[in-house]
Amino acid sequence: MQVNRTLALGVFGAAVAALVLWSVIEFSPGRQLERVFSRLVSAAENRDWKRVKSFMAEDYHDQWGLDRERAVSMAAEAFRQFVVLEIAVESQAISRDGKDAAIEAKLHLQGRATAIGEMVVQRVNSLENDFQFAWQQKSWKPWDWKLVSVSQNEIDIDPTWMP
């Protein structure tokens, strides 16, 4: 009887240790940031602008002078040119410094679009430099990352083209 109890306690201890290790890895801020970024890209691909906005910080601002509302509005207008859209992340590098993080990613677009949409695809796919996505962890929760800025030094947007 003693051997069975010792074996059961050993199996239980190993299971608890495995669960703790899995939790530490699965719920690490870096892993959660990767997931949030993937969900942001998926929401943009599906043109779910309400969801895209939920990933963005209220104080979002970017190199083009856009706040969260105008950035989502401009993206919605540009992506309206697509019947089908796929956004592939070809390469991605993550750097973290406490509650601040950056994701550098090369994006590739493809899909069926109007002539304007085709111009967008050609322009994005011809970019040599990566997009820079700046993130902040807004609370103690490892998954609470918000996008605070996006930049890409080869893209010049005139924010006055849209009312």
C-alpha atoms as a PDB file:
ATOM      1  CA  MET A   1       0.000   0.000   0.000  1.00  0.00           C
ATOM      2  CA  GLN A   2       2.906   2.354   0.817  1.00  0.00           C
ATOM      3  CA  VAL A   3       4.373   1.926  -2.708  1.00  0.00           C
ATOM      4  CA  ASN A   4       1.072   2.864  -4.369  1.00  0.00           C
ATOM      5  CA  ARG A   5       0.760   5.970  -2.175  1.00  0.00           C
ATOM      6  CA  THR A   6       4.343   7.041  -2.920  1.00  0.00           C
ATOM      7  CA  LEU A   7       3.802   6.445  -6.638  1.00  0.00           C
ATOM      8  CA  ALA A   8       0.536   8.424  -6.603  1.00  0.00           C
ATOM      9  CA  LEU A   9       2.181  11.330  -4.772  1.00  0.00           C
ATOM     10  CA  GLY A  10       5.099  11.280  -7.241  1.00  0.00           C
ATOM     11  CA  VAL A  11       2.757  11.303 -10.251  1.00  0.00           C
ATOM     12  CA  PHE A  12       0.682  14.078  -8.673  1.00  0.00           C
ATOM     13  CA  GLY A  13       3.805  16.141  -7.922  1.00  0.00           C
ATOM     14  CA  ALA A  14       5.088  15.709 -11.474  1.00  0.00           C
ATOM     15  CA  ALA A  15       1.703  16.761 -12.870  1.00  0.00           C
ATOM     16  CA  VAL A  16       1.628  19.864 -10.667  1.00  0.00           C
ATOM     17  CA  ALA A  17       5.202  20.767 -11.684  1.00  0.00           C
ATOM     18  CA  ALA A  18       4.322  20.315 -15.370  1.00  0.00           C
ATOM     19  CA  LEU A  19       1.219  22.494 -14.950  1.00  0.00           C
ATOM     20  CA  VAL A  20       3.216  25.242 -13.234  1.00  0.00           C
ATOM     21  CA  LEU A  21       5.900  25.151 -15.948  1.00  0.00           C
ATOM     22  CA  TRP A  22       3.265  25.248 -18.693  1.00  0.00           C
ATOM     23  CA  SER A  23       1.531  28.207 -16.992  1.00  0.00           C
ATOM     24  CA  VAL A  24       4.770  30.164 -16.671  1.00  0.00           C
ATOM     25  CA  ILE A  25       5.514  29.685 -20.367  1.00  0.00           C
ATOM     26  CA  GLU A  26       1.965  30.048 -21.667  1.00  0.00           C
ATOM     27  CA  PHE A  27       1.103  33.156 -19.669  1.00  0.00           C
ATOM     28  CA  SER A  28       4.446  34.921 -20.001  1.00  0.00           C
ATOM     29  CA  PRO A  29       4.081  38.528 -21.198  1.00  0.00           C
ATOM     30  CA  GLY A  30       6.142  37.792 -24.323  1.00  0.00           C
ATOM     31  CA  ARG A  31       3.933  34.886 -25.363  1.00  0.00           C
ATOM     32  CA  GLN A  32       0.813  36.920 -24.667  1.00  0.00           C
ATOM     33  CA  LEU A  33       2.184  39.807 -26.754  1.00  0.00           C
ATOM     34  CA  GLU A  34       2.696  37.441 -29.692  1.00  0.00           C
ATOM     35  CA  ARG A  35      -0.921  36.322 -29.360  1.00  0.00           C
ATOM     36  CA  VAL A  36      -2.278  39.867 -29.159  1.00  0.00           C
ATOM     37  CA  PHE A  37      -0.300  40.850 -32.264  1.00  0.00           C
ATOM     38  CA  SER A  38      -1.581  37.806 -34.137  1.00  0.00           C
ATOM     39  CA  ARG A  39      -5.155  38.665 -33.141  1.00  0.00           C
ATOM     40  CA  LEU A  40      -4.667  42.278 -34.244  1.00  0.00           C
ATOM     41  CA  VAL A  41      -3.464  41.151 -37.677  1.00  0.00           C
ATOM     42  CA  SER A  42      -6.371  38.696 -37.943  1.00  0.00           C
ATOM     43  CA  ALA A  43      -8.900  41.386 -36.985  1.00  0.00           C
ATOM     44  CA  ALA A  44      -7.466  43.769 -39.607  1.00  0.00           C
ATOM     45  CA  GLU A  45      -7.500  41.000 -42.212  1.00  0.00           C
ATOM     46  CA  ASN A  46     -11.178  40.346 -41.424  1.00  0.00           C
ATOM     47  CA  ARG A  47     -11.866  44.086 -41.333  1.00  0.00           C
ATOM     48  CA  ASP A  48     -13.274  43.843 -37.830  1.00  0.00           C
ATOM     49  CA  TRP A  49     -12.550  47.464 -36.936  1.00  0.00           C
ATOM     50  CA  LYS A  50     -14.268  47.332 -33.563  1.00  0.00           C
ATOM     51  CA  ARG A  51     -11.911  44.519 -32.570  1.00  0.00           C
ATOM     52  CA  VAL A  52      -8.877  46.288 -34.075  1.00  0.00           C
ATOM     53  CA  LYS A  53      -9.733  49.347 -31.990  1.00  0.00           C
ATOM     54  CA  SER A  54      -9.932  47.177 -28.854  1.00  0.00           C
ATOM     55  CA  PHE A  55      -6.249  46.255 -29.292  1.00  0.00           C
ATOM     56  CA  MET A  56      -5.220  49.909 -29.493  1.00  0.00           C
ATOM     57  CA  ALA A  57      -4.479  52.173 -26.531  1.00  0.00           C
ATOM     58  CA  GLU A  58      -6.792  55.129 -26.025  1.00  0.00           C
ATOM     59  CA  ASP A  59      -3.750  57.408 -26.293  1.00  0.00           C
ATOM     60  CA  TYR A  60      -2.565  55.779 -29.553  1.00  0.00           C
ATOM     61  CA  HIS A  61      -0.617  58.092 -31.851  1.00  0.00           C
ATOM     62  CA  ASP A  62       1.663  57.404 -34.779  1.00  0.00           C
ATOM     63  CA  GLN A  63       4.292  59.002 -36.999  1.00  0.00           C
ATOM     64  CA  TRP A  64       1.598  60.298 -39.344  1.00  0.00           C
ATOM     65  CA  GLY A  65      -0.176  62.276 -36.622  1.00  0.00           C
ATOM     66  CA  LEU A  66      -3.124  59.896 -36.398  1.00  0.00           C
ATOM     67  CA  ASP A  67      -4.953  59.083 -33.195  1.00  0.00           C
ATOM     68  CA  ARG A  68      -6.810  55.817 -32.634  1.00  0.00           C
ATOM     69  CA  GLU A  69     -10.073  56.951 -34.258  1.00  0.00           C
ATOM     70  CA  ARG A  70      -8.463  58.378 -37.386  1.00  0.00           C
ATOM     71  CA  ALA A  71      -6.041  55.457 -37.780  1.00  0.00           C
ATOM     72  CA  VAL A  72      -8.906  52.942 -37.686  1.00  0.00           C
ATOM     73  CA  SER A  73     -10.972  55.132 -40.019  1.00  0.00           C
ATOM     74  CA  MET A  74      -8.154  55.398 -42.569  1.00  0.00           C
ATOM     75  CA  ALA A  75      -7.425  51.666 -42.398  1.00  0.00           C
ATOM     76  CA  ALA A  76     -11.115  50.893 -42.905  1.00  0.00           C
ATOM     77  CA  GLU A  77     -11.200  53.175 -45.947  1.00  0.00           C
ATOM     78  CA  ALA A  78      -8.072  51.585 -47.473  1.00  0.00           C
ATOM     79  CA  PHE A  79      -9.202  48.022 -46.770  1.00  0.00           C
ATOM     80  CA  ARG A  80     -12.663  48.724 -48.190  1.00  0.00           C
ATOM     81  CA  GLN A  81     -10.977  48.314 -51.574  1.00  0.00           C
ATOM     82  CA  PHE A  82     -10.619  44.561 -51.010  1.00  0.00           C
ATOM     83  CA  VAL A  83     -13.080  41.783 -51.721  1.00  0.00           C
ATOM     84  CA  VAL A  84     -10.678  39.242 -50.229  1.00  0.00           C
ATOM     85  CA  LEU A  85      -7.655  40.147 -48.156  1.00  0.00           C
ATOM     86  CA  GLU A  86      -4.885  38.116 -46.579  1.00  0.00           C
ATOM     87  CA  ILE A  87      -2.171  39.645 -44.397  1.00  0.00           C
ATOM     88  CA  ALA A  88       0.865  37.456 -43.874  1.00  0.00           C
ATOM     89  CA  VAL A  89       3.526  38.246 -41.302  1.00  0.00           C
ATOM     90  CA  GLU A  90       6.699  37.156 -43.072  1.00  0.00           C
ATOM     91  CA  SER A  91       9.149  37.912 -40.304  1.00  0.00           C
ATOM     92  CA  GLN A  92       8.770  39.191 -36.804  1.00  0.00           C
ATOM     93  CA  ALA A  93      11.135  40.249 -34.034  1.00  0.00           C
ATOM     94  CA  ILE A  94      10.020  41.122 -30.523  1.00  0.00           C
ATOM     95  CA  SER A  95      11.926  43.204 -28.012  1.00  0.00           C
ATOM     96  CA  ARG A  96      10.682  43.938 -24.495  1.00  0.00           C
ATOM     97  CA  ASP A  97      11.749  46.336 -21.804  1.00  0.00           C
ATOM     98  CA  GLY A  98       9.496  45.955 -18.782  1.00  0.00           C
ATOM     99  CA  LYS A  99       6.008  47.095 -19.715  1.00  0.00           C
ATOM    100  CA  ASP A 100       7.137  48.452 -23.103  1.00  0.00           C
ATOM    101  CA  ALA A 101       7.630  46.266 -26.141  1.00  0.00           C
ATOM    102  CA  ALA A 102       8.213  46.553 -29.862  1.00  0.00           C
ATOM    103  CA  ILE A 103       7.408  44.199 -32.688  1.00  0.00           C
ATOM    104  CA  GLU A 104       9.206  44.636 -35.984  1.00  0.00           C
ATOM    105  CA  ALA A 105       7.369  42.812 -38.731  1.00  0.00           C
ATOM    106  CA  LYS A 106       7.441  42.525 -42.485  1.00  0.00           C
ATOM    107  CA  LEU A 107       3.892  42.326 -43.774  1.00  0.00           C
ATOM    108  CA  HIS A 108       2.793  40.879 -47.080  1.00  0.00           C
ATOM    109  CA  LEU A 109      -0.675  41.519 -48.551  1.00  0.00           C
ATOM    110  CA  GLN A 110      -2.547  39.521 -51.129  1.00  0.00           C
ATOM    111  CA  GLY A 111      -6.133  39.256 -52.203  1.00  0.00           C
ATOM    112  CA  ARG A 112      -8.706  40.410 -54.704  1.00  0.00           C
ATOM    113  CA  ALA A 113      -9.150  44.141 -54.853  1.00  0.00           C
ATOM    114  CA  THR A 114     -10.105  47.171 -56.876  1.00  0.00           C
ATOM    115  CA  ALA A 115      -7.410  49.053 -58.769  1.00  0.00           C
ATOM    116  CA  ILE A 116      -6.772  51.200 -55.678  1.00  0.00           C
ATOM    117  CA  GLY A 117      -6.502  48.075 -53.534  1.00  0.00           C
ATOM    118  CA  GLU A 118      -3.997  46.606 -55.983  1.00  0.00           C
ATOM    119  CA  MET A 119      -1.905  49.763 -55.611  1.00  0.00           C
ATOM    120  CA  VAL A 120      -1.978  49.299 -51.824  1.00  0.00           C
ATOM    121  CA  VAL A 121      -0.850  45.666 -52.211  1.00  0.00           C
ATOM    122  CA  GLN A 122       1.996  46.631 -54.543  1.00  0.00           C
ATOM    123  CA  ARG A 123       3.156  49.439 -52.258  1.00  0.00           C
ATOM    124  CA  VAL A 124       3.086  47.393 -49.033  1.00  0.00           C
ATOM    125  CA  ASN A 125       4.722  44.371 -50.646  1.00  0.00           C
ATOM    126  CA  SER A 126       7.523  46.516 -52.101  1.00  0.00           C
ATOM    127  CA  LEU A 127       8.553  47.991 -48.734  1.00  0.00           C
ATOM    128  CA  GLU A 128      12.099  47.108 -47.772  1.00  0.00           C
ATOM    129  CA  ASN A 129      11.878  48.036 -44.095  1.00  0.00           C
ATOM    130  CA  ASP A 130       9.707  46.456 -41.423  1.00  0.00           C
ATOM    131  CA  PHE A 131       6.696  47.964 -39.735  1.00  0.00           C
ATOM    132  CA  GLN A 132       7.342  48.966 -36.118  1.00  0.00           C
ATOM    133  CA  PHE A 133       4.535  48.237 -33.664  1.00  0.00           C
ATOM    134  CA  ALA A 134       5.013  49.803 -30.207  1.00  0.00           C
ATOM    135  CA  TRP A 135       3.115  48.164 -27.344  1.00  0.00           C
ATOM    136  CA  GLN A 136       2.574  48.789 -23.646  1.00  0.00           C
ATOM    137  CA  GLN A 137       1.390  46.377 -20.998  1.00  0.00           C
ATOM    138  CA  LYS A 138      -1.396  48.359 -19.353  1.00  0.00           C
ATOM    139  CA  SER A 139      -1.918  46.322 -16.175  1.00  0.00           C
ATOM    140  CA  TRP A 140      -0.519  43.420 -14.159  1.00  0.00           C
ATOM    141  CA  LYS A 141      -2.286  40.944 -16.457  1.00  0.00           C
ATOM    142  CA  PRO A 142       0.231  39.340 -18.848  1.00  0.00           C
ATOM    143  CA  TRP A 143      -2.222  39.560 -21.762  1.00  0.00           C
ATOM    144  CA  ASP A 144      -3.122  43.235 -21.288  1.00  0.00           C
ATOM    145  CA  TRP A 145      -1.016  44.668 -24.135  1.00  0.00           C
ATOM    146  CA  LYS A 146      -2.205  47.701 -26.096  1.00  0.00           C
ATOM    147  CA  LEU A 147      -0.829  49.068 -29.339  1.00  0.00           C
ATOM    148  CA  VAL A 148       0.413  52.611 -28.722  1.00  0.00           C
ATOM    149  CA  SER A 149       2.006  53.422 -32.074  1.00  0.00           C
ATOM    150  CA  VAL A 150       2.823  52.129 -35.550  1.00  0.00           C
ATOM    151  CA  SER A 151       5.546  53.416 -37.832  1.00  0.00           C
ATOM    152  CA  GLN A 152       7.101  52.569 -41.173  1.00  0.00           C
ATOM    153  CA  ASN A 153       9.661  55.037 -42.474  1.00  0.00           C
ATOM    154  CA  GLU A 154       8.966  54.352 -46.167  1.00  0.00           C
ATOM    155  CA  ILE A 155       5.267  55.222 -45.964  1.00  0.00           C
ATOM    156  CA  ASP A 156       4.191  58.829 -46.205  1.00  0.00           C
ATOM    157  CA  ILE A 157       0.517  59.408 -45.392  1.00  0.00           C
ATOM    158  CA  ASP A 158      -1.170  62.757 -45.645  1.00  0.00           C
ATOM    159  CA  PRO A 159      -3.656  62.671 -42.755  1.00  0.00           C
ATOM    160  CA  THR A 160      -5.603  65.585 -44.263  1.00  0.00           C
ATOM    161  CA  TRP A 161      -6.903  63.518 -47.201  1.00  0.00           C
ATOM    162  CA  MET A 162      -9.692  62.240 -45.003  1.00  0.00           C
ATOM    163  CA  PRO A 163     -12.203  64.468 -43.199  1.00  0.00           C
END
